[in-house]
Amino acid sequence: MDLDLRSVRYFVAVAEELHFGRAAAKLHISQPALSKQIRRLESDLGFRLFARDSRHVALTAEGVRFLRDSRVLIAQAERMTRPDDRGIRIAHIFDLDASRVVADAFAKRFPTVPVIASSMDSRRQFDALLNGQLDVAILRVTPAMTADHPSGWSHRLLRLEPFWLVGRPGDPAAEAASLWDRPLEVFGDPTGSALFNVHGQYLAALEHRLGTSFRWLGNPGTFKHCLARMRRSTDAAYLLEFESYALRYRQKGMPIHRPEELQPLYPWSIAWRDEPLTPAVAGFLDVAAEQSAEREWLYPEGVGPAWQPDGA
């Protein structure tokens, strides 16, 4: 049989969402049309890809195998149809600087290689990497990612980014502050919200570790939106924030402090597919390792003992 690449893409969308409605919205088609395409694909293949009833969708054993092969096929198709295979496709998470620092260093070393950058959170980067839409990803690798996809990709730790406490304008300067002196605010979407993501999972684990309740402020994204939210604040609190943003808050006149009781560290990893590396990808991985070593990203300073969630 001739395999229709569009049907394969539809299958991957359903396999990732495990929900026909969400997959249909993601693909911008109707749910009945998507269901029809999946049934036709299963008929052509001669085996079922999904076990489904009125409430649940799950991959069959054949579906798990077909998903792995489908991702390889889609990645190959993406490479074959790219107009210029000399470039490197990466993504940034808002204005956080790990990926930007590496991208800038790579562009300086390889000025003729285009850097094609998008904006994606960790989970979207991971899916895009497996689907061949990104060449590398700089993200937080979760236990679920490695459990659900034990092969087909590799990763290594790139940076342990500290969190700081950001005070209000006019607060006294101090090197450190207690995590329990004031209410703690975080830019993130809480458990149970529609936008709960990998970053939210980290914050929820930290909230549990501290035995407190954060003020969840949503996720404004870029630094200028976070800064605007902070300038509207009038009550006393500390914002628990990535070092990437905390240092910029200090430039805007807000004091920042290292947490006294423990030092939360956010693990950024660089990930790539298990396949022969293009010169651009190999160069990007080398530059990332050099930047990590030169900036001592894996050996951050802190006042309290280091903390990461179990399994990071």
C-alpha atoms as a PDB file:
ATOM      1  CA  MET A   1       0.000   0.000   0.000  1.00  0.00           C
ATOM      2  CA  ASP A   2       1.051   3.630  -0.513  1.00  0.00           C
ATOM      3  CA  LEU A   3       1.130   5.487   2.801  1.00  0.00           C
ATOM      4  CA  ASP A   4      -0.519   8.914   2.763  1.00  0.00           C
ATOM      5  CA  LEU A   5       1.695  11.332   4.688  1.00  0.00           C
ATOM      6  CA  ARG A   6      -1.275  13.534   5.587  1.00  0.00           C
ATOM      7  CA  SER A   7      -3.012  10.595   7.253  1.00  0.00           C
ATOM      8  CA  VAL A   8       0.178   9.825   9.157  1.00  0.00           C
ATOM      9  CA  ARG A   9       0.287  13.413  10.431  1.00  0.00           C
ATOM     10  CA  TYR A  10      -3.352  13.114  11.497  1.00  0.00           C
ATOM     11  CA  PHE A  11      -2.561   9.909  13.360  1.00  0.00           C
ATOM     12  CA  VAL A  12       0.370  11.544  15.192  1.00  0.00           C
ATOM     13  CA  ALA A  13      -1.831  14.444  16.276  1.00  0.00           C
ATOM     14  CA  VAL A  14      -4.431  12.076  17.765  1.00  0.00           C
ATOM     15  CA  ALA A  15      -1.703   9.948  19.371  1.00  0.00           C
ATOM     16  CA  GLU A  16      -0.201  12.993  21.070  1.00  0.00           C
ATOM     17  CA  GLU A  17      -3.513  14.412  22.291  1.00  0.00           C
ATOM     18  CA  LEU A  18      -5.321  11.101  22.910  1.00  0.00           C
ATOM     19  CA  HIS A  19      -8.440  13.106  22.202  1.00  0.00           C
ATOM     20  CA  PHE A  20     -10.082  13.425  18.783  1.00  0.00           C
ATOM     21  CA  GLY A  21     -11.623  16.821  19.524  1.00  0.00           C
ATOM     22  CA  ARG A  22      -8.368  18.458  20.600  1.00  0.00           C
ATOM     23  CA  ALA A  23      -6.470  16.852  17.729  1.00  0.00           C
ATOM     24  CA  ALA A  24      -9.061  18.076  15.230  1.00  0.00           C
ATOM     25  CA  ALA A  25      -8.754  21.629  16.584  1.00  0.00           C
ATOM     26  CA  LYS A  26      -4.981  21.405  16.370  1.00  0.00           C
ATOM     27  CA  LEU A  27      -5.239  20.265  12.736  1.00  0.00           C
ATOM     28  CA  HIS A  28      -7.979  22.784  11.864  1.00  0.00           C
ATOM     29  CA  ILE A  29     -10.362  20.105  10.560  1.00  0.00           C
ATOM     30  CA  SER A  30     -13.664  18.760  11.849  1.00  0.00           C
ATOM     31  CA  GLN A  31     -13.740  15.892  14.308  1.00  0.00           C
ATOM     32  CA  PRO A  32     -15.880  13.652  12.033  1.00  0.00           C
ATOM     33  CA  ALA A  33     -13.431  14.181   9.165  1.00  0.00           C
ATOM     34  CA  LEU A  34     -10.499  13.290  11.407  1.00  0.00           C
ATOM     35  CA  SER A  35     -12.227  10.143  12.702  1.00  0.00           C
ATOM     36  CA  LYS A  36     -12.932   9.098   9.111  1.00  0.00           C
ATOM     37  CA  GLN A  37      -9.285   9.559   8.130  1.00  0.00           C
ATOM     38  CA  ILE A  38      -8.095   7.472  11.081  1.00  0.00           C
ATOM     39  CA  ARG A  39     -10.564   4.670  10.313  1.00  0.00           C
ATOM     40  CA  ARG A  40      -9.405   4.664   6.688  1.00  0.00           C
ATOM     41  CA  LEU A  41      -5.756   4.513   7.782  1.00  0.00           C
ATOM     42  CA  GLU A  42      -6.488   1.592  10.113  1.00  0.00           C
ATOM     43  CA  SER A  43      -8.328  -0.174   7.286  1.00  0.00           C
ATOM     44  CA  ASP A  44      -5.414   0.336   4.902  1.00  0.00           C
ATOM     45  CA  LEU A  45      -2.909  -0.909   7.494  1.00  0.00           C
ATOM     46  CA  GLY A  46      -4.983  -3.904   8.540  1.00  0.00           C
ATOM     47  CA  PHE A  47      -4.662  -3.298  12.287  1.00  0.00           C
ATOM     48  CA  ARG A  48      -6.097  -0.970  14.909  1.00  0.00           C
ATOM     49  CA  LEU A  49      -4.059   2.005  16.044  1.00  0.00           C
ATOM     50  CA  PHE A  50      -6.372   3.120  18.857  1.00  0.00           C
ATOM     51  CA  ALA A  51      -8.522   1.440  21.457  1.00  0.00           C
ATOM     52  CA  ARG A  52     -11.388   3.835  22.039  1.00  0.00           C
ATOM     53  CA  ASP A  53     -14.792   4.071  23.651  1.00  0.00           C
ATOM     54  CA  SER A  54     -17.128   6.976  24.323  1.00  0.00           C
ATOM     55  CA  ARG A  55     -14.837   8.442  27.000  1.00  0.00           C
ATOM     56  CA  HIS A  56     -11.250   7.281  26.411  1.00  0.00           C
ATOM     57  CA  VAL A  57      -8.697   6.966  23.617  1.00  0.00           C
ATOM     58  CA  ALA A  58      -5.534   4.880  24.000  1.00  0.00           C
ATOM     59  CA  LEU A  59      -2.844   3.572  21.681  1.00  0.00           C
ATOM     60  CA  THR A  60      -2.765  -0.133  20.942  1.00  0.00           C
ATOM     61  CA  ALA A  61       0.570  -1.966  20.937  1.00  0.00           C
ATOM     62  CA  GLU A  62       0.588  -1.636  17.142  1.00  0.00           C
ATOM     63  CA  GLY A  63      -0.236   2.054  17.548  1.00  0.00           C
ATOM     64  CA  VAL A  64       2.777   2.612  19.819  1.00  0.00           C
ATOM     65  CA  ARG A  65       5.060   1.032  17.232  1.00  0.00           C
ATOM     66  CA  PHE A  66       3.429   2.930  14.372  1.00  0.00           C
ATOM     67  CA  LEU A  67       3.802   6.227  16.274  1.00  0.00           C
ATOM     68  CA  ARG A  68       7.540   5.697  16.631  1.00  0.00           C
ATOM     69  CA  ASP A  69       7.926   4.952  12.925  1.00  0.00           C
ATOM     70  CA  SER A  70       5.581   7.791  11.954  1.00  0.00           C
ATOM     71  CA  ARG A  71       7.729  10.357  13.718  1.00  0.00           C
ATOM     72  CA  VAL A  72      10.790   9.134  11.845  1.00  0.00           C
ATOM     73  CA  LEU A  73       8.887   9.306   8.545  1.00  0.00           C
ATOM     74  CA  ILE A  74       7.602  12.837   9.198  1.00  0.00           C
ATOM     75  CA  ALA A  75      11.061  14.035  10.248  1.00  0.00           C
ATOM     76  CA  GLN A  76      12.534  12.665   7.019  1.00  0.00           C
ATOM     77  CA  ALA A  77       9.805  14.319   4.977  1.00  0.00           C
ATOM     78  CA  GLU A  78      10.420  17.644   6.726  1.00  0.00           C
ATOM     79  CA  ARG A  79      14.122  17.496   5.884  1.00  0.00           C
ATOM     80  CA  MET A  80      13.461  16.504   2.265  1.00  0.00           C
ATOM     81  CA  THR A  81      11.130  19.438   1.661  1.00  0.00           C
ATOM     82  CA  ARG A  82      13.117  22.144   3.444  1.00  0.00           C
ATOM     83  CA  PRO A  83      14.387  24.726   0.926  1.00  0.00           C
ATOM     84  CA  ASP A  84      17.706  25.178   2.712  1.00  0.00           C
ATOM     85  CA  ASP A  85      19.053  22.344   4.839  1.00  0.00           C
ATOM     86  CA  ARG A  86      22.055  24.367   5.976  1.00  0.00           C
ATOM     87  CA  GLY A  87      20.088  26.137   8.684  1.00  0.00           C
ATOM     88  CA  ILE A  88      19.389  25.199  12.271  1.00  0.00           C
ATOM     89  CA  ARG A  89      15.823  25.287  13.647  1.00  0.00           C
ATOM     90  CA  ILE A  90      15.535  26.108  17.347  1.00  0.00           C
ATOM     91  CA  ALA A  91      12.992  27.638  19.733  1.00  0.00           C
ATOM     92  CA  HIS A  92      13.078  30.114  22.606  1.00  0.00           C
ATOM     93  CA  ILE A  93      10.946  30.124  25.746  1.00  0.00           C
ATOM     94  CA  PHE A  94       9.971  33.794  26.002  1.00  0.00           C
ATOM     95  CA  ASP A  95      12.975  35.996  26.983  1.00  0.00           C
ATOM     96  CA  LEU A  96      14.755  33.377  29.091  1.00  0.00           C
ATOM     97  CA  ASP A  97      18.333  33.474  27.956  1.00  0.00           C
ATOM     98  CA  ALA A  98      19.785  29.950  27.826  1.00  0.00           C
ATOM     99  CA  SER A  99      18.745  29.347  24.219  1.00  0.00           C
ATOM    100  CA  ARG A 100      19.520  32.922  23.167  1.00  0.00           C
ATOM    101  CA  VAL A 101      23.060  32.797  24.574  1.00  0.00           C
ATOM    102  CA  VAL A 102      23.768  29.581  22.679  1.00  0.00           C
ATOM    103  CA  ALA A 103      22.149  30.893  19.489  1.00  0.00           C
ATOM    104  CA  ASP A 104      24.214  34.101  19.628  1.00  0.00           C
ATOM    105  CA  ALA A 105      27.448  32.159  20.157  1.00  0.00           C
ATOM    106  CA  PHE A 106      26.555  29.762  17.332  1.00  0.00           C
ATOM    107  CA  ALA A 107      25.785  32.636  14.936  1.00  0.00           C
ATOM    108  CA  LYS A 108      29.133  34.229  15.763  1.00  0.00           C
ATOM    109  CA  ARG A 109      31.003  30.973  15.110  1.00  0.00           C
ATOM    110  CA  PHE A 110      28.985  29.982  12.000  1.00  0.00           C
ATOM    111  CA  PRO A 111      27.854  33.291  10.455  1.00  0.00           C
ATOM    112  CA  THR A 112      26.730  31.695   7.164  1.00  0.00           C
ATOM    113  CA  VAL A 113      24.340  29.211   8.808  1.00  0.00           C
ATOM    114  CA  PRO A 114      20.819  30.625   9.279  1.00  0.00           C
ATOM    115  CA  VAL A 115      19.296  30.306  12.746  1.00  0.00           C
ATOM    116  CA  ILE A 116      15.527  29.847  12.368  1.00  0.00           C
ATOM    117  CA  ALA A 117      13.926  30.516  15.747  1.00  0.00           C
ATOM    118  CA  SER A 118      10.364  30.102  17.036  1.00  0.00           C
ATOM    119  CA  SER A 119       8.697  30.600  20.416  1.00  0.00           C
ATOM    120  CA  MET A 120       7.600  27.384  22.152  1.00  0.00           C
ATOM    121  CA  ASP A 121       7.342  26.093  25.708  1.00  0.00           C
ATOM    122  CA  SER A 122       9.098  22.884  26.751  1.00  0.00           C
ATOM    123  CA  ARG A 123       6.343  20.456  25.780  1.00  0.00           C
ATOM    124  CA  ARG A 124       5.766  22.038  22.383  1.00  0.00           C
ATOM    125  CA  GLN A 125       9.518  21.999  21.737  1.00  0.00           C
ATOM    126  CA  PHE A 126       9.663  18.317  22.620  1.00  0.00           C
ATOM    127  CA  ASP A 127       6.797  17.432  20.279  1.00  0.00           C
ATOM    128  CA  ALA A 128       8.264  19.594  17.507  1.00  0.00           C
ATOM    129  CA  LEU A 129      11.661  17.923  17.922  1.00  0.00           C
ATOM    130  CA  LEU A 130      10.196  14.428  17.624  1.00  0.00           C
ATOM    131  CA  ASN A 131       8.091  15.501  14.641  1.00  0.00           C
ATOM    132  CA  GLY A 132      11.094  16.897  12.788  1.00  0.00           C
ATOM    133  CA  GLN A 133       9.998  20.528  13.073  1.00  0.00           C
ATOM    134  CA  LEU A 134      12.977  21.497  15.251  1.00  0.00           C
ATOM    135  CA  ASP A 135      16.578  20.343  14.946  1.00  0.00           C
ATOM    136  CA  VAL A 136      17.417  20.898  18.616  1.00  0.00           C
ATOM    137  CA  ALA A 137      15.393  21.815  21.690  1.00  0.00           C
ATOM    138  CA  ILE A 138      16.446  23.605  24.872  1.00  0.00           C
ATOM    139  CA  LEU A 139      13.853  22.640  27.443  1.00  0.00           C
ATOM    140  CA  ARG A 140      13.147  21.037  30.795  1.00  0.00           C
ATOM    141  CA  VAL A 141      13.129  17.272  30.271  1.00  0.00           C
ATOM    142  CA  THR A 142      10.494  15.626  32.462  1.00  0.00           C
ATOM    143  CA  PRO A 143      10.188  12.016  33.652  1.00  0.00           C
ATOM    144  CA  ALA A 144       7.047  11.709  31.512  1.00  0.00           C
ATOM    145  CA  MET A 145       8.990  12.609  28.372  1.00  0.00           C
ATOM    146  CA  THR A 146      11.605   9.932  28.953  1.00  0.00           C
ATOM    147  CA  ALA A 147       9.004   7.344  30.015  1.00  0.00           C
ATOM    148  CA  ASP A 148       6.705   7.961  27.060  1.00  0.00           C
ATOM    149  CA  HIS A 149       9.557   8.185  24.538  1.00  0.00           C
ATOM    150  CA  PRO A 150      12.460   6.033  25.752  1.00  0.00           C
ATOM    151  CA  SER A 151      14.212   6.028  22.368  1.00  0.00           C
ATOM    152  CA  GLY A 152      14.611   8.117  19.246  1.00  0.00           C
ATOM    153  CA  TRP A 153      16.187  11.134  20.929  1.00  0.00           C
ATOM    154  CA  SER A 154      19.019  12.118  23.259  1.00  0.00           C
ATOM    155  CA  HIS A 155      19.564  14.913  25.745  1.00  0.00           C
ATOM    156  CA  ARG A 156      22.145  16.285  28.139  1.00  0.00           C
ATOM    157  CA  LEU A 157      21.959  18.786  30.966  1.00  0.00           C
ATOM    158  CA  LEU A 158      22.935  22.278  29.854  1.00  0.00           C
ATOM    159  CA  ARG A 159      22.157  24.649  32.710  1.00  0.00           C
ATOM    160  CA  LEU A 160      20.880  24.718  36.267  1.00  0.00           C
ATOM    161  CA  GLU A 161      19.264  28.148  36.414  1.00  0.00           C
ATOM    162  CA  PRO A 162      18.759  29.577  39.923  1.00  0.00           C
ATOM    163  CA  PHE A 163      15.598  31.287  41.086  1.00  0.00           C
ATOM    164  CA  TRP A 164      15.796  34.618  42.912  1.00  0.00           C
ATOM    165  CA  LEU A 165      13.328  36.531  45.068  1.00  0.00           C
ATOM    166  CA  VAL A 166      12.329  39.835  43.476  1.00  0.00           C
ATOM    167  CA  GLY A 167      11.147  42.527  45.898  1.00  0.00           C
ATOM    168  CA  ARG A 168       9.216  45.727  45.396  1.00  0.00           C
ATOM    169  CA  PRO A 169      10.727  49.099  44.458  1.00  0.00           C
ATOM    170  CA  GLY A 170      11.937  50.808  47.634  1.00  0.00           C
ATOM    171  CA  ASP A 171      12.620  47.580  49.530  1.00  0.00           C
ATOM    172  CA  PRO A 172      15.960  47.562  51.358  1.00  0.00           C
ATOM    173  CA  ALA A 173      18.834  45.836  49.603  1.00  0.00           C
ATOM    174  CA  ALA A 174      19.925  42.469  51.008  1.00  0.00           C
ATOM    175  CA  GLU A 175      21.898  39.546  49.629  1.00  0.00           C
ATOM    176  CA  ALA A 176      19.358  36.984  50.828  1.00  0.00           C
ATOM    177  CA  ALA A 177      15.780  36.821  52.042  1.00  0.00           C
ATOM    178  CA  SER A 178      13.574  34.179  53.611  1.00  0.00           C
ATOM    179  CA  LEU A 179      11.100  32.244  51.507  1.00  0.00           C
ATOM    180  CA  TRP A 180       8.614  32.640  54.351  1.00  0.00           C
ATOM    181  CA  ASP A 181       8.973  36.376  55.060  1.00  0.00           C
ATOM    182  CA  ARG A 182       6.288  37.354  52.558  1.00  0.00           C
ATOM    183  CA  PRO A 183       3.736  35.749  50.252  1.00  0.00           C
ATOM    184  CA  LEU A 184       5.375  34.201  47.200  1.00  0.00           C
ATOM    185  CA  GLU A 185       4.185  35.031  43.697  1.00  0.00           C
ATOM    186  CA  VAL A 186       4.984  33.053  40.557  1.00  0.00           C
ATOM    187  CA  PHE A 187       4.340  33.657  36.891  1.00  0.00           C
ATOM    188  CA  GLY A 188       2.671  30.399  35.948  1.00  0.00           C
ATOM    189  CA  ASP A 189      -0.662  28.656  35.517  1.00  0.00           C
ATOM    190  CA  PRO A 190      -1.686  26.399  38.425  1.00  0.00           C
ATOM    191  CA  THR A 191      -2.571  22.732  38.510  1.00  0.00           C
ATOM    192  CA  GLY A 192      -5.952  22.100  36.961  1.00  0.00           C
ATOM    193  CA  SER A 193      -5.886  25.144  34.687  1.00  0.00           C
ATOM    194  CA  ALA A 194      -6.133  24.757  30.922  1.00  0.00           C
ATOM    195  CA  LEU A 195      -2.628  26.209  30.470  1.00  0.00           C
ATOM    196  CA  PHE A 196      -0.852  24.110  33.130  1.00  0.00           C
ATOM    197  CA  ASN A 197       2.459  23.092  31.578  1.00  0.00           C
ATOM    198  CA  VAL A 198       5.965  21.768  32.277  1.00  0.00           C
ATOM    199  CA  HIS A 199       6.945  24.986  34.068  1.00  0.00           C
ATOM    200  CA  GLY A 200       3.778  24.786  36.140  1.00  0.00           C
ATOM    201  CA  GLN A 201       4.656  21.231  37.132  1.00  0.00           C
ATOM    202  CA  TYR A 202       8.007  22.442  38.446  1.00  0.00           C
ATOM    203  CA  LEU A 203       6.406  25.267  40.421  1.00  0.00           C
ATOM    204  CA  ALA A 204       3.737  22.950  41.837  1.00  0.00           C
ATOM    205  CA  ALA A 205       6.466  20.580  43.068  1.00  0.00           C
ATOM    206  CA  LEU A 206       8.287  23.505  44.688  1.00  0.00           C
ATOM    207  CA  GLU A 207       5.065  24.746  46.278  1.00  0.00           C
ATOM    208  CA  HIS A 208       4.581  21.278  47.793  1.00  0.00           C
ATOM    209  CA  ARG A 209       8.207  21.166  48.984  1.00  0.00           C
ATOM    210  CA  LEU A 210       7.865  24.521  50.745  1.00  0.00           C
ATOM    211  CA  GLY A 211       4.496  23.623  52.247  1.00  0.00           C
ATOM    212  CA  THR A 212       3.024  26.947  51.206  1.00  0.00           C
ATOM    213  CA  SER A 213       0.565  28.305  48.659  1.00  0.00           C
ATOM    214  CA  PHE A 214       1.855  30.479  45.847  1.00  0.00           C
ATOM    215  CA  ARG A 215       0.022  33.365  44.285  1.00  0.00           C
ATOM    216  CA  TRP A 216      -0.243  32.155  40.688  1.00  0.00           C
ATOM    217  CA  LEU A 217      -0.180  35.204  38.413  1.00  0.00           C
ATOM    218  CA  GLY A 218      -0.689  33.521  35.055  1.00  0.00           C
ATOM    219  CA  ASN A 219       1.952  33.586  32.376  1.00  0.00           C
ATOM    220  CA  PRO A 220       2.421  36.998  30.722  1.00  0.00           C
ATOM    221  CA  GLY A 221       5.386  35.637  28.721  1.00  0.00           C
ATOM    222  CA  THR A 222       7.942  38.232  27.696  1.00  0.00           C
ATOM    223  CA  PHE A 223       9.853  40.279  30.240  1.00  0.00           C
ATOM    224  CA  LYS A 224       8.136  43.574  29.406  1.00  0.00           C
ATOM    225  CA  HIS A 225       4.727  42.091  30.261  1.00  0.00           C
ATOM    226  CA  CYS A 226       6.046  40.606  33.505  1.00  0.00           C
ATOM    227  CA  LEU A 227       7.638  43.957  34.391  1.00  0.00           C
ATOM    228  CA  ALA A 228       4.358  45.777  33.747  1.00  0.00           C
ATOM    229  CA  ARG A 229       2.555  43.344  36.068  1.00  0.00           C
ATOM    230  CA  MET A 230       5.168  43.882  38.773  1.00  0.00           C
ATOM    231  CA  ARG A 231       4.879  47.680  38.508  1.00  0.00           C
ATOM    232  CA  ARG A 232       1.131  47.412  39.062  1.00  0.00           C
ATOM    233  CA  SER A 233       1.666  45.504  42.333  1.00  0.00           C
ATOM    234  CA  THR A 234       1.144  47.459  45.534  1.00  0.00           C
ATOM    235  CA  ASP A 235       1.238  44.896  48.371  1.00  0.00           C
ATOM    236  CA  ALA A 236       4.341  43.365  49.939  1.00  0.00           C
ATOM    237  CA  ALA A 237       5.353  40.055  48.375  1.00  0.00           C
ATOM    238  CA  TYR A 238       8.286  38.360  46.706  1.00  0.00           C
ATOM    239  CA  LEU A 239       8.238  37.190  43.115  1.00  0.00           C
ATOM    240  CA  LEU A 240      10.044  33.875  42.666  1.00  0.00           C
ATOM    241  CA  GLU A 241      11.734  34.345  39.318  1.00  0.00           C
ATOM    242  CA  PHE A 242      14.309  32.862  36.945  1.00  0.00           C
ATOM    243  CA  GLU A 243      17.756  34.446  37.123  1.00  0.00           C
ATOM    244  CA  SER A 244      17.339  35.442  33.440  1.00  0.00           C
ATOM    245  CA  TYR A 245      14.543  37.812  34.432  1.00  0.00           C
ATOM    246  CA  ALA A 246      15.631  38.630  38.000  1.00  0.00           C
ATOM    247  CA  LEU A 247      18.813  40.364  36.839  1.00  0.00           C
ATOM    248  CA  ARG A 248      16.725  42.508  34.503  1.00  0.00           C
ATOM    249  CA  TYR A 249      14.348  43.446  37.314  1.00  0.00           C
ATOM    250  CA  ARG A 250      17.380  44.686  39.253  1.00  0.00           C
ATOM    251  CA  GLN A 251      18.294  46.922  36.317  1.00  0.00           C
ATOM    252  CA  LYS A 252      14.788  48.391  36.591  1.00  0.00           C
ATOM    253  CA  GLY A 253      15.309  49.350  40.251  1.00  0.00           C
ATOM    254  CA  MET A 254      13.840  46.311  42.006  1.00  0.00           C
ATOM    255  CA  PRO A 255      15.921  44.525  44.657  1.00  0.00           C
ATOM    256  CA  ILE A 256      16.616  40.844  44.202  1.00  0.00           C
ATOM    257  CA  HIS A 257      17.664  38.343  46.862  1.00  0.00           C
ATOM    258  CA  ARG A 258      18.898  34.783  46.967  1.00  0.00           C
ATOM    259  CA  PRO A 259      16.503  32.472  48.844  1.00  0.00           C
ATOM    260  CA  GLU A 260      17.875  31.620  52.282  1.00  0.00           C
ATOM    261  CA  GLU A 261      16.315  28.233  53.064  1.00  0.00           C
ATOM    262  CA  LEU A 262      16.900  26.439  49.786  1.00  0.00           C
ATOM    263  CA  GLN A 263      17.988  27.301  46.263  1.00  0.00           C
ATOM    264  CA  PRO A 264      15.551  26.151  43.567  1.00  0.00           C
ATOM    265  CA  LEU A 265      17.370  25.238  40.351  1.00  0.00           C
ATOM    266  CA  TYR A 266      15.638  24.852  37.003  1.00  0.00           C
ATOM    267  CA  PRO A 267      17.253  22.157  34.835  1.00  0.00           C
ATOM    268  CA  TRP A 268      17.603  23.156  31.182  1.00  0.00           C
ATOM    269  CA  SER A 269      18.669  20.389  28.812  1.00  0.00           C
ATOM    270  CA  ILE A 270      19.541  20.347  25.151  1.00  0.00           C
ATOM    271  CA  ALA A 271      17.881  17.582  23.132  1.00  0.00           C
ATOM    272  CA  TRP A 272      18.239  16.227  19.607  1.00  0.00           C
ATOM    273  CA  ARG A 273      17.009  13.289  17.548  1.00  0.00           C
ATOM    274  CA  ASP A 274      18.987  10.048  17.369  1.00  0.00           C
ATOM    275  CA  GLU A 275      20.019  10.220  13.735  1.00  0.00           C
ATOM    276  CA  PRO A 276      23.142  11.219  11.802  1.00  0.00           C
ATOM    277  CA  LEU A 277      23.898  14.800  12.816  1.00  0.00           C
ATOM    278  CA  THR A 278      24.009  17.504  10.195  1.00  0.00           C
ATOM    279  CA  PRO A 279      27.038  19.823  10.439  1.00  0.00           C
ATOM    280  CA  ALA A 280      24.733  22.558  11.762  1.00  0.00           C
ATOM    281  CA  VAL A 281      23.319  20.395  14.560  1.00  0.00           C
ATOM    282  CA  ALA A 282      26.753  19.038  15.499  1.00  0.00           C
ATOM    283  CA  GLY A 283      28.103  22.588  15.620  1.00  0.00           C
ATOM    284  CA  PHE A 284      25.183  23.802  17.730  1.00  0.00           C
ATOM    285  CA  LEU A 285      25.685  20.990  20.249  1.00  0.00           C
ATOM    286  CA  ASP A 286      29.401  21.799  20.494  1.00  0.00           C
ATOM    287  CA  VAL A 287      28.741  25.514  21.012  1.00  0.00           C
ATOM    288  CA  ALA A 288      26.110  24.738  23.666  1.00  0.00           C
ATOM    289  CA  ALA A 289      28.564  22.556  25.597  1.00  0.00           C
ATOM    290  CA  GLU A 290      31.233  25.265  25.410  1.00  0.00           C
ATOM    291  CA  GLN A 291      28.884  27.987  26.637  1.00  0.00           C
ATOM    292  CA  SER A 292      27.739  25.788  29.505  1.00  0.00           C
ATOM    293  CA  ALA A 293      31.341  25.185  30.578  1.00  0.00           C
ATOM    294  CA  GLU A 294      32.549  28.775  30.130  1.00  0.00           C
ATOM    295  CA  ARG A 295      29.626  30.238  32.063  1.00  0.00           C
ATOM    296  CA  GLU A 296      29.708  27.479  34.714  1.00  0.00           C
ATOM    297  CA  TRP A 297      26.021  26.926  34.152  1.00  0.00           C
ATOM    298  CA  LEU A 298      26.087  23.594  35.957  1.00  0.00           C
ATOM    299  CA  TYR A 299      27.648  25.101  39.104  1.00  0.00           C
ATOM    300  CA  PRO A 300      25.363  27.975  40.154  1.00  0.00           C
ATOM    301  CA  GLU A 301      25.811  29.900  43.375  1.00  0.00           C
ATOM    302  CA  GLY A 302      23.266  29.851  46.156  1.00  0.00           C
ATOM    303  CA  VAL A 303      22.787  30.519  49.856  1.00  0.00           C
ATOM    304  CA  GLY A 304      20.585  27.574  50.771  1.00  0.00           C
ATOM    305  CA  PRO A 305      20.924  23.938  49.670  1.00  0.00           C
ATOM    306  CA  ALA A 306      20.126  23.207  46.038  1.00  0.00           C
ATOM    307  CA  TRP A 307      16.690  21.818  45.153  1.00  0.00           C
ATOM    308  CA  GLN A 308      15.159  20.209  42.078  1.00  0.00           C
ATOM    309  CA  PRO A 309      12.008  18.095  41.780  1.00  0.00           C
ATOM    310  CA  ASP A 310      12.424  14.341  42.022  1.00  0.00           C
ATOM    311  CA  GLY A 311      13.614  13.116  38.631  1.00  0.00           C
ATOM    312  CA  ALA A 312      14.157  16.784  37.669  1.00  0.00           C
END
